[in-house]
Amino acid sequence: MVLNDVFYECVRHDGIVSVCSSSAEGKGHIADTWNKYLIITDDEKIVIPCFGFRETEKNVGHDPEIEVVAGSHEVRGLAGMGTGFLLKGTAEFQKEGELFEKMRSKCGFANRVLVFTPVSCEQTI
């Protein structure tokens, strides 16, 4: 298992999720969403609803490796109030299928999903 109990507790609370991808020229790009929109599958894939995320999708098309930061001020972290995590892994976009349909029932605005497969999860705060 890559994800731990503190991570799961963190994303059950209000907080932000930032997704960082890299362009073909090596320029970083960040897109954001909220913890409450995430779906985490039994095999630890993190499904993120997308309406925008166009630059992220373009970047993932040439380099699927991304980094995701998730945090919440409502969960006690390493140094007091608040906690956050840095996850590294790969991403793909889907606009049909089981994960997309599951997300559409939760977030009607989603016109596709980013499916993130983490390979590491480090608590940073």
C-alpha atoms as a PDB file:
ATOM      1  CA  MET A   1       0.000   0.000   0.000  1.00  0.00           C
ATOM      2  CA  VAL A   2       1.250   3.455  -0.936  1.00  0.00           C
ATOM      3  CA  LEU A   3      -1.430   5.511   0.831  1.00  0.00           C
ATOM      4  CA  ASN A   4      -1.579   5.573   4.627  1.00  0.00           C
ATOM      5  CA  ASP A   5      -4.272   6.244   7.224  1.00  0.00           C
ATOM      6  CA  VAL A   6      -3.218   9.867   7.786  1.00  0.00           C
ATOM      7  CA  PHE A   7      -3.536  10.544   4.040  1.00  0.00           C
ATOM      8  CA  TYR A   8      -7.033   9.077   3.978  1.00  0.00           C
ATOM      9  CA  GLU A   9      -7.960  11.169   7.020  1.00  0.00           C
ATOM     10  CA  CYS A  10      -6.560  14.277   5.333  1.00  0.00           C
ATOM     11  CA  VAL A  11      -8.608  13.916   2.144  1.00  0.00           C
ATOM     12  CA  ARG A  12     -11.807  13.227   4.108  1.00  0.00           C
ATOM     13  CA  HIS A  13     -11.627  16.839   5.334  1.00  0.00           C
ATOM     14  CA  ASP A  14     -11.865  20.170   3.543  1.00  0.00           C
ATOM     15  CA  GLY A  15      -8.684  21.017   1.720  1.00  0.00           C
ATOM     16  CA  ILE A  16      -6.982  21.604  -1.580  1.00  0.00           C
ATOM     17  CA  VAL A  17      -5.442  19.283  -4.143  1.00  0.00           C
ATOM     18  CA  SER A  18      -2.841  20.595  -6.591  1.00  0.00           C
ATOM     19  CA  VAL A  19      -1.757  18.672  -9.672  1.00  0.00           C
ATOM     20  CA  CYS A  20       1.624  19.512 -11.200  1.00  0.00           C
ATOM     21  CA  SER A  21       2.531  18.417 -14.712  1.00  0.00           C
ATOM     22  CA  SER A  22       5.362  19.384 -17.036  1.00  0.00           C
ATOM     23  CA  SER A  23       5.239  20.666 -20.610  1.00  0.00           C
ATOM     24  CA  ALA A  24       7.419  19.287 -23.400  1.00  0.00           C
ATOM     25  CA  GLU A  25       9.688  22.284 -22.761  1.00  0.00           C
ATOM     26  CA  GLY A  26       9.969  21.404 -19.072  1.00  0.00           C
ATOM     27  CA  LYS A  27       7.734  24.207 -17.803  1.00  0.00           C
ATOM     28  CA  GLY A  28       5.657  23.264 -14.762  1.00  0.00           C
ATOM     29  CA  HIS A  29       1.899  23.724 -14.724  1.00  0.00           C
ATOM     30  CA  ILE A  30      -0.407  23.491 -11.699  1.00  0.00           C
ATOM     31  CA  ALA A  31      -4.160  22.852 -11.672  1.00  0.00           C
ATOM     32  CA  ASP A  32      -6.236  22.704  -8.481  1.00  0.00           C
ATOM     33  CA  THR A  33      -9.327  21.026  -7.114  1.00  0.00           C
ATOM     34  CA  TRP A  34     -10.792  20.150  -3.707  1.00  0.00           C
ATOM     35  CA  ASN A  35     -10.380  17.082  -1.488  1.00  0.00           C
ATOM     36  CA  LYS A  36     -14.143  16.537  -1.427  1.00  0.00           C
ATOM     37  CA  TYR A  37     -14.170  15.742  -5.146  1.00  0.00           C
ATOM     38  CA  LEU A  38     -11.651  12.880  -5.034  1.00  0.00           C
ATOM     39  CA  ILE A  39     -12.592   9.243  -5.415  1.00  0.00           C
ATOM     40  CA  ILE A  40     -10.006   6.724  -4.238  1.00  0.00           C
ATOM     41  CA  THR A  41     -10.432   3.220  -5.603  1.00  0.00           C
ATOM     42  CA  ASP A  42      -9.715  -0.031  -3.758  1.00  0.00           C
ATOM     43  CA  ASP A  43      -6.452  -0.343  -5.715  1.00  0.00           C
ATOM     44  CA  GLU A  44      -5.428   3.205  -4.609  1.00  0.00           C
ATOM     45  CA  LYS A  45      -6.042   5.029  -7.867  1.00  0.00           C
ATOM     46  CA  ILE A  46      -7.069   8.621  -7.199  1.00  0.00           C
ATOM     47  CA  VAL A  47      -9.786   9.846  -9.551  1.00  0.00           C
ATOM     48  CA  ILE A  48     -10.019  13.617 -10.043  1.00  0.00           C
ATOM     49  CA  PRO A  49     -12.936  15.288 -11.852  1.00  0.00           C
ATOM     50  CA  CYS A  50     -11.998  17.574 -14.725  1.00  0.00           C
ATOM     51  CA  PHE A  51     -13.809  20.362 -16.465  1.00  0.00           C
ATOM     52  CA  GLY A  52     -10.737  22.474 -17.177  1.00  0.00           C
ATOM     53  CA  PHE A  53      -7.339  20.793 -16.760  1.00  0.00           C
ATOM     54  CA  ARG A  54      -6.665  21.259 -20.518  1.00  0.00           C
ATOM     55  CA  GLU A  55      -2.992  22.164 -20.067  1.00  0.00           C
ATOM     56  CA  THR A  56      -2.550  19.251 -17.665  1.00  0.00           C
ATOM     57  CA  GLU A  57      -4.102  16.871 -20.197  1.00  0.00           C
ATOM     58  CA  LYS A  58      -1.801  18.177 -22.931  1.00  0.00           C
ATOM     59  CA  ASN A  59       1.235  17.724 -20.676  1.00  0.00           C
ATOM     60  CA  VAL A  60       0.212  14.204 -19.580  1.00  0.00           C
ATOM     61  CA  GLY A  61      -0.073  13.321 -23.284  1.00  0.00           C
ATOM     62  CA  HIS A  62       3.689  13.611 -23.631  1.00  0.00           C
ATOM     63  CA  ASP A  63       4.770  12.817 -20.042  1.00  0.00           C
ATOM     64  CA  PRO A  64       2.356  10.920 -17.769  1.00  0.00           C
ATOM     65  CA  GLU A  65       4.488  11.463 -14.651  1.00  0.00           C
ATOM     66  CA  ILE A  66       2.907  14.052 -12.361  1.00  0.00           C
ATOM     67  CA  GLU A  67       3.037  15.186  -8.750  1.00  0.00           C
ATOM     68  CA  VAL A  68      -0.002  15.787  -6.585  1.00  0.00           C
ATOM     69  CA  VAL A  69      -0.168  17.738  -3.332  1.00  0.00           C
ATOM     70  CA  ALA A  70      -3.122  17.276  -0.983  1.00  0.00           C
ATOM     71  CA  GLY A  71      -3.659  19.016   2.317  1.00  0.00           C
ATOM     72  CA  SER A  72      -6.119  20.004   4.984  1.00  0.00           C
ATOM     73  CA  HIS A  73      -5.898  22.425   7.886  1.00  0.00           C
ATOM     74  CA  GLU A  74      -8.387  20.274   9.807  1.00  0.00           C
ATOM     75  CA  VAL A  75      -6.078  17.296  10.468  1.00  0.00           C
ATOM     76  CA  ARG A  76      -3.144  17.484  12.869  1.00  0.00           C
ATOM     77  CA  GLY A  77       0.135  17.089  10.987  1.00  0.00           C
ATOM     78  CA  LEU A  78       3.806  16.679  11.792  1.00  0.00           C
ATOM     79  CA  ALA A  79       4.267  20.174  13.207  1.00  0.00           C
ATOM     80  CA  GLY A  80       0.856  21.043  14.620  1.00  0.00           C
ATOM     81  CA  MET A  81      -2.381  22.031  13.004  1.00  0.00           C
ATOM     82  CA  GLY A  82      -2.773  21.003   9.403  1.00  0.00           C
ATOM     83  CA  THR A  83      -1.214  18.291   7.298  1.00  0.00           C
ATOM     84  CA  GLY A  84      -0.175  17.778   3.711  1.00  0.00           C
ATOM     85  CA  PHE A  85       1.184  15.141   1.357  1.00  0.00           C
ATOM     86  CA  LEU A  86       3.296  14.991  -1.795  1.00  0.00           C
ATOM     87  CA  LEU A  87       2.402  12.112  -4.083  1.00  0.00           C
ATOM     88  CA  LYS A  88       4.288  11.086  -7.205  1.00  0.00           C
ATOM     89  CA  GLY A  89       3.017   8.800  -9.921  1.00  0.00           C
ATOM     90  CA  THR A  90       1.427   8.597 -13.337  1.00  0.00           C
ATOM     91  CA  ALA A  91      -1.761   9.974 -14.800  1.00  0.00           C
ATOM     92  CA  GLU A  92      -4.151   9.286 -17.624  1.00  0.00           C
ATOM     93  CA  PHE A  93      -7.331  11.016 -18.728  1.00  0.00           C
ATOM     94  CA  GLN A  94     -10.557   9.115 -19.347  1.00  0.00           C
ATOM     95  CA  LYS A  95     -13.839  10.367 -20.768  1.00  0.00           C
ATOM     96  CA  GLU A  96     -15.765   7.113 -20.596  1.00  0.00           C
ATOM     97  CA  GLY A  97     -15.865   3.909 -18.603  1.00  0.00           C
ATOM     98  CA  GLU A  98     -16.574   2.889 -15.029  1.00  0.00           C
ATOM     99  CA  LEU A  99     -14.401   5.483 -13.257  1.00  0.00           C
ATOM    100  CA  PHE A 100     -15.744   8.296 -15.422  1.00  0.00           C
ATOM    101  CA  GLU A 101     -19.358   7.263 -14.781  1.00  0.00           C
ATOM    102  CA  LYS A 102     -18.745   6.963 -11.055  1.00  0.00           C
ATOM    103  CA  MET A 103     -17.300  10.480 -10.993  1.00  0.00           C
ATOM    104  CA  ARG A 104     -20.118  11.907 -13.150  1.00  0.00           C
ATOM    105  CA  SER A 105     -22.623  10.670 -10.574  1.00  0.00           C
ATOM    106  CA  LYS A 106     -20.693  12.542  -7.871  1.00  0.00           C
ATOM    107  CA  CYS A 107     -19.610  15.619  -9.857  1.00  0.00           C
ATOM    108  CA  GLY A 108     -21.974  16.397 -12.703  1.00  0.00           C
ATOM    109  CA  PHE A 109     -19.627  19.072 -14.056  1.00  0.00           C
ATOM    110  CA  ALA A 110     -16.904  16.539 -14.966  1.00  0.00           C
ATOM    111  CA  ASN A 111     -16.468  16.023 -18.701  1.00  0.00           C
ATOM    112  CA  ARG A 112     -13.543  13.625 -18.121  1.00  0.00           C
ATOM    113  CA  VAL A 113     -11.420  12.361 -15.227  1.00  0.00           C
ATOM    114  CA  LEU A 114      -7.765  12.309 -14.393  1.00  0.00           C
ATOM    115  CA  VAL A 115      -6.865   8.868 -13.055  1.00  0.00           C
ATOM    116  CA  PHE A 116      -3.730   9.144 -10.925  1.00  0.00           C
ATOM    117  CA  THR A 117      -1.740   6.078  -9.868  1.00  0.00           C
ATOM    118  CA  PRO A 118       0.579   7.054  -7.025  1.00  0.00           C
ATOM    119  CA  VAL A 119       3.908   5.284  -6.545  1.00  0.00           C
ATOM    120  CA  SER A 120       4.903   7.332  -3.486  1.00  0.00           C
ATOM    121  CA  CYS A 121       3.115   9.294  -0.772  1.00  0.00           C
ATOM    122  CA  GLU A 122       5.188  11.463   1.580  1.00  0.00           C
ATOM    123  CA  GLN A 123       3.742  13.470   4.446  1.00  0.00           C
ATOM    124  CA  THR A 124       5.362  16.909   4.170  1.00  0.00           C
ATOM    125  CA  ILE A 125       3.653  18.839   6.996  1.00  0.00           C
END
